[in-house]
Amino acid sequence: MYLIYDDDPTHCARLRTLLLSDPNNTEQDIRTASTEADAIRQLSGDTAVLFQDIRLEHDENGIRFAEYIKQHYPLCLIVFITAYTQYWENVFSVMPSGFITKPFTKEKVARVVLNINHHLPILRPMIHIREADNKLVSLPAADVVFIENENRRTQFYDDYYVGRKPAPLFSSHYSIAEIEQFLPSCFVRCHVSYYINMNHIRELRRYEMILHNGKSILISQRRYKDVENAFFRFTSDKL
């Protein structure tokens, strides 16, 4: 799902029309919001791209809202839409994936769509696993927060649990070492029994990582340097 957030509904409608008519755009679920409350209500983990004005209602600086999005929806790409170039030097704190300046044109939208099509498979790759019965299982990597080896099975979870452990998204017969061949580069092994999706890491500390949900995950001393290097490459590639 794509979401367009601009305090002028006519701008939202115009951009939505151009996106839907672009031949390279494959997303048909494109929603609009004209207030912050409406934007927050519609946002979810399925929001792949947020098109957002830099200058919002009541002269509010939209960069603050974009920082909120990056904290709560780290896999969401942000494309700034604006007529105000004076804010541009401040936008890189949220690593936007593009800009569209007003007035909107087919050519401007086409360039942004191509850029989105390049970034989405990197940020939202799939995990394809061929199981013993020859069944092919496909999981969006974005849905998997961590992978744990337990009871001779490798379990895929969609959130790092606190208290009672939830049911896994998927359970594989492969060992934790064997499962690596199926994982995209956004996963890093931080412990003998764990892989973590680096899209969900908010902060890396000495022998510890903090996830976006606030959960602290320990990193084994032997693997810390590898995790540090992998996380540095991962964040650098997103810039």
C-alpha atoms as a PDB file:
ATOM      1  CA  MET A   1       0.000   0.000   0.000  1.00  0.00           C
ATOM      2  CA  TYR A   2       1.141   3.560  -0.813  1.00  0.00           C
ATOM      3  CA  LEU A   3       0.017   6.554   1.245  1.00  0.00           C
ATOM      4  CA  ILE A   4       0.021  10.188   0.095  1.00  0.00           C
ATOM      5  CA  TYR A   5      -0.007  12.730   2.930  1.00  0.00           C
ATOM      6  CA  ASP A   6      -0.501  16.364   1.926  1.00  0.00           C
ATOM      7  CA  ASP A   7      -2.668  18.931   3.678  1.00  0.00           C
ATOM      8  CA  ASP A   8      -4.123  19.956   0.299  1.00  0.00           C
ATOM      9  CA  PRO A   9      -6.564  17.249  -0.917  1.00  0.00           C
ATOM     10  CA  THR A  10      -6.249  18.436  -4.520  1.00  0.00           C
ATOM     11  CA  HIS A  11      -2.512  17.710  -4.454  1.00  0.00           C
ATOM     12  CA  CYS A  12      -3.219  14.261  -3.032  1.00  0.00           C
ATOM     13  CA  ALA A  13      -5.741  13.516  -5.769  1.00  0.00           C
ATOM     14  CA  ARG A  14      -3.454  14.781  -8.540  1.00  0.00           C
ATOM     15  CA  LEU A  15      -0.486  12.706  -7.397  1.00  0.00           C
ATOM     16  CA  ARG A  16      -2.642   9.613  -6.919  1.00  0.00           C
ATOM     17  CA  THR A  17      -3.971   9.933 -10.476  1.00  0.00           C
ATOM     18  CA  LEU A  18      -0.458  10.266 -11.901  1.00  0.00           C
ATOM     19  CA  LEU A  19       0.820   7.266  -9.944  1.00  0.00           C
ATOM     20  CA  LEU A  20      -2.066   5.054 -11.041  1.00  0.00           C
ATOM     21  CA  SER A  21      -1.563   6.032 -14.672  1.00  0.00           C
ATOM     22  CA  ASP A  22       2.202   5.421 -14.691  1.00  0.00           C
ATOM     23  CA  PRO A  23       2.944   2.233 -16.717  1.00  0.00           C
ATOM     24  CA  ASN A  24       5.778   1.181 -14.396  1.00  0.00           C
ATOM     25  CA  ASN A  25       3.746   1.477 -11.202  1.00  0.00           C
ATOM     26  CA  THR A  26       2.486  -1.898  -9.945  1.00  0.00           C
ATOM     27  CA  GLU A  27       0.736  -0.693  -6.758  1.00  0.00           C
ATOM     28  CA  GLN A  28      -2.995  -0.080  -7.119  1.00  0.00           C
ATOM     29  CA  ASP A  29      -3.807   0.448  -3.421  1.00  0.00           C
ATOM     30  CA  ILE A  30      -2.904   4.130  -3.153  1.00  0.00           C
ATOM     31  CA  ARG A  31      -4.543   6.027  -0.293  1.00  0.00           C
ATOM     32  CA  THR A  32      -4.541   9.690   0.681  1.00  0.00           C
ATOM     33  CA  ALA A  33      -4.570  11.669   3.925  1.00  0.00           C
ATOM     34  CA  SER A  34      -4.873  15.399   4.538  1.00  0.00           C
ATOM     35  CA  THR A  35      -4.318  15.431   8.306  1.00  0.00           C
ATOM     36  CA  GLU A  36      -1.745  13.852  10.583  1.00  0.00           C
ATOM     37  CA  ALA A  37      -4.428  11.939  12.465  1.00  0.00           C
ATOM     38  CA  ASP A  38      -5.769  10.445   9.239  1.00  0.00           C
ATOM     39  CA  ALA A  39      -2.264   9.540   8.065  1.00  0.00           C
ATOM     40  CA  ILE A  40      -1.458   7.758  11.345  1.00  0.00           C
ATOM     41  CA  ARG A  41      -4.790   5.915  11.214  1.00  0.00           C
ATOM     42  CA  GLN A  42      -4.061   4.544   7.754  1.00  0.00           C
ATOM     43  CA  LEU A  43      -0.397   3.672   8.265  1.00  0.00           C
ATOM     44  CA  SER A  44       0.495   0.029   8.857  1.00  0.00           C
ATOM     45  CA  GLY A  45       3.320  -2.409   8.329  1.00  0.00           C
ATOM     46  CA  ASP A  46       1.964  -2.897   4.802  1.00  0.00           C
ATOM     47  CA  THR A  47       2.658   0.738   3.894  1.00  0.00           C
ATOM     48  CA  ALA A  48       5.519   0.359   1.419  1.00  0.00           C
ATOM     49  CA  VAL A  49       5.871   4.030   0.432  1.00  0.00           C
ATOM     50  CA  LEU A  50       4.823   7.298   2.071  1.00  0.00           C
ATOM     51  CA  PHE A  51       4.605  10.331  -0.216  1.00  0.00           C
ATOM     52  CA  GLN A  52       4.703  13.232   2.204  1.00  0.00           C
ATOM     53  CA  ASP A  53       4.716  16.996   1.959  1.00  0.00           C
ATOM     54  CA  ILE A  54       7.578  18.651   3.850  1.00  0.00           C
ATOM     55  CA  ARG A  55       5.441  21.611   4.886  1.00  0.00           C
ATOM     56  CA  LEU A  56       2.191  20.451   6.430  1.00  0.00           C
ATOM     57  CA  GLU A  57      -0.889  21.847   8.137  1.00  0.00           C
ATOM     58  CA  HIS A  58      -0.406  24.884  10.413  1.00  0.00           C
ATOM     59  CA  ASP A  59       3.091  25.345   8.883  1.00  0.00           C
ATOM     60  CA  GLU A  60       4.209  22.146  10.626  1.00  0.00           C
ATOM     61  CA  ASN A  61       7.597  20.839   9.497  1.00  0.00           C
ATOM     62  CA  GLY A  62       6.922  17.439   7.938  1.00  0.00           C
ATOM     63  CA  ILE A  63      10.418  16.177   8.702  1.00  0.00           C
ATOM     64  CA  ARG A  64       9.308  15.583  12.301  1.00  0.00           C
ATOM     65  CA  PHE A  65       6.512  13.326  11.059  1.00  0.00           C
ATOM     66  CA  ALA A  66       8.933  11.499   8.754  1.00  0.00           C
ATOM     67  CA  GLU A  67      11.200  10.802  11.727  1.00  0.00           C
ATOM     68  CA  TYR A  68       8.192   9.302  13.507  1.00  0.00           C
ATOM     69  CA  ILE A  69       7.584   7.055  10.491  1.00  0.00           C
ATOM     70  CA  LYS A  70      11.184   5.869  10.404  1.00  0.00           C
ATOM     71  CA  GLN A  71      11.002   4.957  14.081  1.00  0.00           C
ATOM     72  CA  HIS A  72       7.695   3.070  13.910  1.00  0.00           C
ATOM     73  CA  TYR A  73       7.758   1.797  10.291  1.00  0.00           C
ATOM     74  CA  PRO A  74      11.432   1.332   9.406  1.00  0.00           C
ATOM     75  CA  LEU A  75      10.655  -0.543   6.168  1.00  0.00           C
ATOM     76  CA  CYS A  76       8.542   2.281   4.746  1.00  0.00           C
ATOM     77  CA  LEU A  77      10.179   4.298   1.964  1.00  0.00           C
ATOM     78  CA  ILE A  78       9.666   8.072   2.196  1.00  0.00           C
ATOM     79  CA  VAL A  79       9.302  10.319  -0.830  1.00  0.00           C
ATOM     80  CA  PHE A  80       9.063  14.021  -0.029  1.00  0.00           C
ATOM     81  CA  ILE A  81       6.682  16.161  -2.077  1.00  0.00           C
ATOM     82  CA  THR A  82       7.159  19.898  -1.787  1.00  0.00           C
ATOM     83  CA  ALA A  83       7.451  23.309  -3.313  1.00  0.00           C
ATOM     84  CA  TYR A  84       9.754  24.520  -0.524  1.00  0.00           C
ATOM     85  CA  THR A  85      13.424  23.861  -1.231  1.00  0.00           C
ATOM     86  CA  GLN A  86      14.623  25.574   1.960  1.00  0.00           C
ATOM     87  CA  TYR A  87      13.952  22.377   3.925  1.00  0.00           C
ATOM     88  CA  TRP A  88      16.053  20.098   1.731  1.00  0.00           C
ATOM     89  CA  GLU A  89      19.245  20.365   3.755  1.00  0.00           C
ATOM     90  CA  ASN A  90      17.420  18.911   6.778  1.00  0.00           C
ATOM     91  CA  VAL A  91      15.660  15.947   5.160  1.00  0.00           C
ATOM     92  CA  PHE A  92      18.583  13.536   5.018  1.00  0.00           C
ATOM     93  CA  SER A  93      18.191  12.634   8.686  1.00  0.00           C
ATOM     94  CA  VAL A  94      15.353  10.341   7.567  1.00  0.00           C
ATOM     95  CA  MET A  95      17.104   9.017   4.425  1.00  0.00           C
ATOM     96  CA  PRO A  96      14.316   9.767   1.896  1.00  0.00           C
ATOM     97  CA  SER A  97      14.072   7.627  -1.230  1.00  0.00           C
ATOM     98  CA  GLY A  98      13.156  10.496  -3.522  1.00  0.00           C
ATOM     99  CA  PHE A  99      11.581  13.902  -4.070  1.00  0.00           C
ATOM    100  CA  ILE A 100       8.751  15.244  -6.196  1.00  0.00           C
ATOM    101  CA  THR A 101       8.514  18.983  -6.555  1.00  0.00           C
ATOM    102  CA  LYS A 102       5.254  20.774  -7.207  1.00  0.00           C
ATOM    103  CA  PRO A 103       3.598  21.150  -9.612  1.00  0.00           C
ATOM    104  CA  PHE A 104       3.448  17.414 -10.319  1.00  0.00           C
ATOM    105  CA  THR A 105       4.077  16.145 -13.851  1.00  0.00           C
ATOM    106  CA  LYS A 106       4.068  12.713 -15.484  1.00  0.00           C
ATOM    107  CA  GLU A 107       7.823  12.969 -15.998  1.00  0.00           C
ATOM    108  CA  LYS A 108       8.560  13.710 -12.333  1.00  0.00           C
ATOM    109  CA  VAL A 109       6.327  10.867 -11.155  1.00  0.00           C
ATOM    110  CA  ALA A 110       7.848   8.449 -13.671  1.00  0.00           C
ATOM    111  CA  ARG A 111      11.357   9.089 -12.318  1.00  0.00           C
ATOM    112  CA  VAL A 112      10.240   8.500  -8.740  1.00  0.00           C
ATOM    113  CA  VAL A 113       8.368   5.305  -9.651  1.00  0.00           C
ATOM    114  CA  LEU A 114      11.500   3.856 -11.257  1.00  0.00           C
ATOM    115  CA  ASN A 115      13.477   4.723  -8.133  1.00  0.00           C
ATOM    116  CA  ILE A 116      10.870   3.059  -5.913  1.00  0.00           C
ATOM    117  CA  ASN A 117      10.897  -0.052  -8.097  1.00  0.00           C
ATOM    118  CA  HIS A 118      14.647  -0.239  -7.577  1.00  0.00           C
ATOM    119  CA  HIS A 119      14.545   0.156  -3.786  1.00  0.00           C
ATOM    120  CA  LEU A 120      11.525  -1.939  -2.773  1.00  0.00           C
ATOM    121  CA  PRO A 121      12.977  -5.387  -3.655  1.00  0.00           C
ATOM    122  CA  ILE A 122      16.083  -4.481  -1.627  1.00  0.00           C
ATOM    123  CA  LEU A 123      14.149  -3.264   1.394  1.00  0.00           C
ATOM    124  CA  ARG A 124      11.341  -5.824   1.146  1.00  0.00           C
ATOM    125  CA  PRO A 125      12.878  -9.047  -0.230  1.00  0.00           C
ATOM    126  CA  MET A 126      11.288 -12.492  -0.062  1.00  0.00           C
ATOM    127  CA  ILE A 127      12.513 -15.631   1.689  1.00  0.00           C
ATOM    128  CA  HIS A 128      12.021 -18.758  -0.453  1.00  0.00           C
ATOM    129  CA  ILE A 129      12.595 -22.126   1.233  1.00  0.00           C
ATOM    130  CA  ARG A 130      12.297 -25.532  -0.443  1.00  0.00           C
ATOM    131  CA  GLU A 131      11.219 -27.951   2.277  1.00  0.00           C
ATOM    132  CA  ALA A 132      11.839 -31.709   2.481  1.00  0.00           C
ATOM    133  CA  ASP A 133       8.483 -32.547   0.851  1.00  0.00           C
ATOM    134  CA  ASN A 134       9.528 -30.319  -2.092  1.00  0.00           C
ATOM    135  CA  LYS A 135       7.008 -27.689  -0.985  1.00  0.00           C
ATOM    136  CA  LEU A 136       8.158 -24.137  -1.728  1.00  0.00           C
ATOM    137  CA  VAL A 137       7.461 -21.726   1.134  1.00  0.00           C
ATOM    138  CA  SER A 138       7.670 -17.962   0.479  1.00  0.00           C
ATOM    139  CA  LEU A 139       7.730 -15.393   3.285  1.00  0.00           C
ATOM    140  CA  PRO A 140       8.136 -11.617   3.002  1.00  0.00           C
ATOM    141  CA  ALA A 141      11.401 -10.909   4.812  1.00  0.00           C
ATOM    142  CA  ALA A 142       9.793  -7.774   6.256  1.00  0.00           C
ATOM    143  CA  ASP A 143       7.413  -9.984   8.252  1.00  0.00           C
ATOM    144  CA  VAL A 144      10.256 -11.852   9.971  1.00  0.00           C
ATOM    145  CA  VAL A 145      11.881 -10.086  12.925  1.00  0.00           C
ATOM    146  CA  PHE A 146      14.034 -12.968  14.157  1.00  0.00           C
ATOM    147  CA  ILE A 147      14.779 -16.633  13.517  1.00  0.00           C
ATOM    148  CA  GLU A 148      15.500 -19.037  16.356  1.00  0.00           C
ATOM    149  CA  ASN A 149      16.683 -22.620  16.532  1.00  0.00           C
ATOM    150  CA  GLU A 150      14.739 -24.671  19.079  1.00  0.00           C
ATOM    151  CA  ASN A 151      13.738 -28.311  19.461  1.00  0.00           C
ATOM    152  CA  ARG A 152      15.668 -29.260  16.314  1.00  0.00           C
ATOM    153  CA  ARG A 153      13.537 -26.891  14.234  1.00  0.00           C
ATOM    154  CA  THR A 154      14.221 -23.401  12.928  1.00  0.00           C
ATOM    155  CA  GLN A 155      11.373 -21.061  13.846  1.00  0.00           C
ATOM    156  CA  PHE A 156      10.491 -17.777  12.108  1.00  0.00           C
ATOM    157  CA  TYR A 157       8.827 -15.121  14.294  1.00  0.00           C
ATOM    158  CA  ASP A 158       7.128 -11.864  13.348  1.00  0.00           C
ATOM    159  CA  ASP A 159       7.938 -10.048  16.596  1.00  0.00           C
ATOM    160  CA  TYR A 160      10.361 -10.390  19.472  1.00  0.00           C
ATOM    161  CA  TYR A 161       8.210 -11.737  22.253  1.00  0.00           C
ATOM    162  CA  VAL A 162       8.026 -10.490  25.814  1.00  0.00           C
ATOM    163  CA  GLY A 163       6.747 -13.125  28.222  1.00  0.00           C
ATOM    164  CA  ARG A 164       4.866 -15.979  26.592  1.00  0.00           C
ATOM    165  CA  LYS A 165       6.312 -16.952  23.224  1.00  0.00           C
ATOM    166  CA  PRO A 166       3.844 -16.664  20.298  1.00  0.00           C
ATOM    167  CA  ALA A 167       3.344 -19.265  17.606  1.00  0.00           C
ATOM    168  CA  PRO A 168       5.943 -18.956  14.839  1.00  0.00           C
ATOM    169  CA  LEU A 169       5.082 -17.756  11.349  1.00  0.00           C
ATOM    170  CA  PHE A 170       6.806 -20.826   9.957  1.00  0.00           C
ATOM    171  CA  SER A 171       8.812 -23.788  11.193  1.00  0.00           C
ATOM    172  CA  SER A 172      11.520 -25.371   9.022  1.00  0.00           C
ATOM    173  CA  HIS A 173      13.335 -28.696   9.214  1.00  0.00           C
ATOM    174  CA  TYR A 174      16.592 -26.969   8.222  1.00  0.00           C
ATOM    175  CA  SER A 175      19.171 -26.241  10.919  1.00  0.00           C
ATOM    176  CA  ILE A 176      20.009 -22.651  11.830  1.00  0.00           C
ATOM    177  CA  ALA A 177      23.262 -22.980   9.859  1.00  0.00           C
ATOM    178  CA  GLU A 178      21.544 -24.462   6.796  1.00  0.00           C
ATOM    179  CA  ILE A 179      18.835 -21.806   6.751  1.00  0.00           C
ATOM    180  CA  GLU A 180      21.406 -19.094   5.959  1.00  0.00           C
ATOM    181  CA  GLN A 181      21.437 -20.065   2.272  1.00  0.00           C
ATOM    182  CA  PHE A 182      17.820 -18.906   1.946  1.00  0.00           C
ATOM    183  CA  LEU A 183      18.125 -15.591   3.792  1.00  0.00           C
ATOM    184  CA  PRO A 184      18.530 -12.147   2.167  1.00  0.00           C
ATOM    185  CA  SER A 185      21.405  -9.935   3.284  1.00  0.00           C
ATOM    186  CA  CYS A 186      19.227  -8.028   5.795  1.00  0.00           C
ATOM    187  CA  PHE A 187      19.618 -10.943   8.260  1.00  0.00           C
ATOM    188  CA  VAL A 188      22.631 -11.279  10.535  1.00  0.00           C
ATOM    189  CA  ARG A 189      23.536 -14.098  12.912  1.00  0.00           C
ATOM    190  CA  CYS A 190      24.099 -12.582  16.339  1.00  0.00           C
ATOM    191  CA  HIS A 191      24.204 -15.785  18.370  1.00  0.00           C
ATOM    192  CA  VAL A 192      24.648 -19.498  17.762  1.00  0.00           C
ATOM    193  CA  SER A 193      20.844 -19.914  17.735  1.00  0.00           C
ATOM    194  CA  TYR A 194      19.611 -16.568  16.363  1.00  0.00           C
ATOM    195  CA  TYR A 195      19.307 -14.501  13.204  1.00  0.00           C
ATOM    196  CA  ILE A 196      17.965 -10.933  13.434  1.00  0.00           C
ATOM    197  CA  ASN A 197      16.426  -8.861  10.627  1.00  0.00           C
ATOM    198  CA  MET A 198      18.587  -5.714  10.633  1.00  0.00           C
ATOM    199  CA  ASN A 199      15.647  -3.612   9.425  1.00  0.00           C
ATOM    200  CA  HIS A 200      14.320  -3.955  12.968  1.00  0.00           C
ATOM    201  CA  ILE A 201      17.493  -2.819  14.732  1.00  0.00           C
ATOM    202  CA  ARG A 202      17.215   0.707  16.135  1.00  0.00           C
ATOM    203  CA  GLU A 203      20.644   0.882  17.762  1.00  0.00           C
ATOM    204  CA  LEU A 204      23.778  -1.231  17.987  1.00  0.00           C
ATOM    205  CA  ARG A 205      25.763  -1.177  21.228  1.00  0.00           C
ATOM    206  CA  ARG A 206      28.699  -3.158  22.567  1.00  0.00           C
ATOM    207  CA  TYR A 207      27.503  -6.798  22.649  1.00  0.00           C
ATOM    208  CA  GLU A 208      23.886  -5.652  22.461  1.00  0.00           C
ATOM    209  CA  MET A 209      21.320  -4.498  19.912  1.00  0.00           C
ATOM    210  CA  ILE A 210      18.129  -2.542  20.578  1.00  0.00           C
ATOM    211  CA  LEU A 211      15.156  -3.320  18.347  1.00  0.00           C
ATOM    212  CA  HIS A 212      12.541  -0.769  17.293  1.00  0.00           C
ATOM    213  CA  ASN A 213      10.115  -2.264  19.813  1.00  0.00           C
ATOM    214  CA  GLY A 214      12.636  -1.496  22.581  1.00  0.00           C
ATOM    215  CA  LYS A 215      13.678  -5.109  23.121  1.00  0.00           C
ATOM    216  CA  SER A 216      17.369  -5.660  23.918  1.00  0.00           C
ATOM    217  CA  ILE A 217      19.115  -8.599  22.201  1.00  0.00           C
ATOM    218  CA  LEU A 218      22.522  -9.804  23.345  1.00  0.00           C
ATOM    219  CA  ILE A 219      25.264 -10.404  20.796  1.00  0.00           C
ATOM    220  CA  SER A 220      27.800 -13.122  21.482  1.00  0.00           C
ATOM    221  CA  GLN A 221      31.324 -11.852  21.975  1.00  0.00           C
ATOM    222  CA  ARG A 222      32.606 -14.076  19.172  1.00  0.00           C
ATOM    223  CA  ARG A 223      30.097 -12.679  16.658  1.00  0.00           C
ATOM    224  CA  TYR A 224      30.086  -9.015  17.691  1.00  0.00           C
ATOM    225  CA  LYS A 225      32.613  -7.795  15.114  1.00  0.00           C
ATOM    226  CA  ASP A 226      30.818  -9.610  12.287  1.00  0.00           C
ATOM    227  CA  VAL A 227      27.492  -8.123  13.406  1.00  0.00           C
ATOM    228  CA  GLU A 228      29.001  -4.636  13.640  1.00  0.00           C
ATOM    229  CA  ASN A 229      30.472  -4.880  10.123  1.00  0.00           C
ATOM    230  CA  ALA A 230      27.278  -6.310   8.663  1.00  0.00           C
ATOM    231  CA  PHE A 231      25.129  -3.604  10.256  1.00  0.00           C
ATOM    232  CA  PHE A 232      27.486  -0.879   9.009  1.00  0.00           C
ATOM    233  CA  ARG A 233      27.294  -2.219   5.427  1.00  0.00           C
ATOM    234  CA  PHE A 234      23.534  -2.613   5.691  1.00  0.00           C
ATOM    235  CA  THR A 235      22.900   0.952   6.882  1.00  0.00           C
ATOM    236  CA  SER A 236      25.404   2.377   4.376  1.00  0.00           C
ATOM    237  CA  ASP A 237      23.637   0.641   1.481  1.00  0.00           C
ATOM    238  CA  LYS A 238      20.358   2.318   2.491  1.00  0.00           C
ATOM    239  CA  LEU A 239      21.823   5.819   2.222  1.00  0.00           C
END
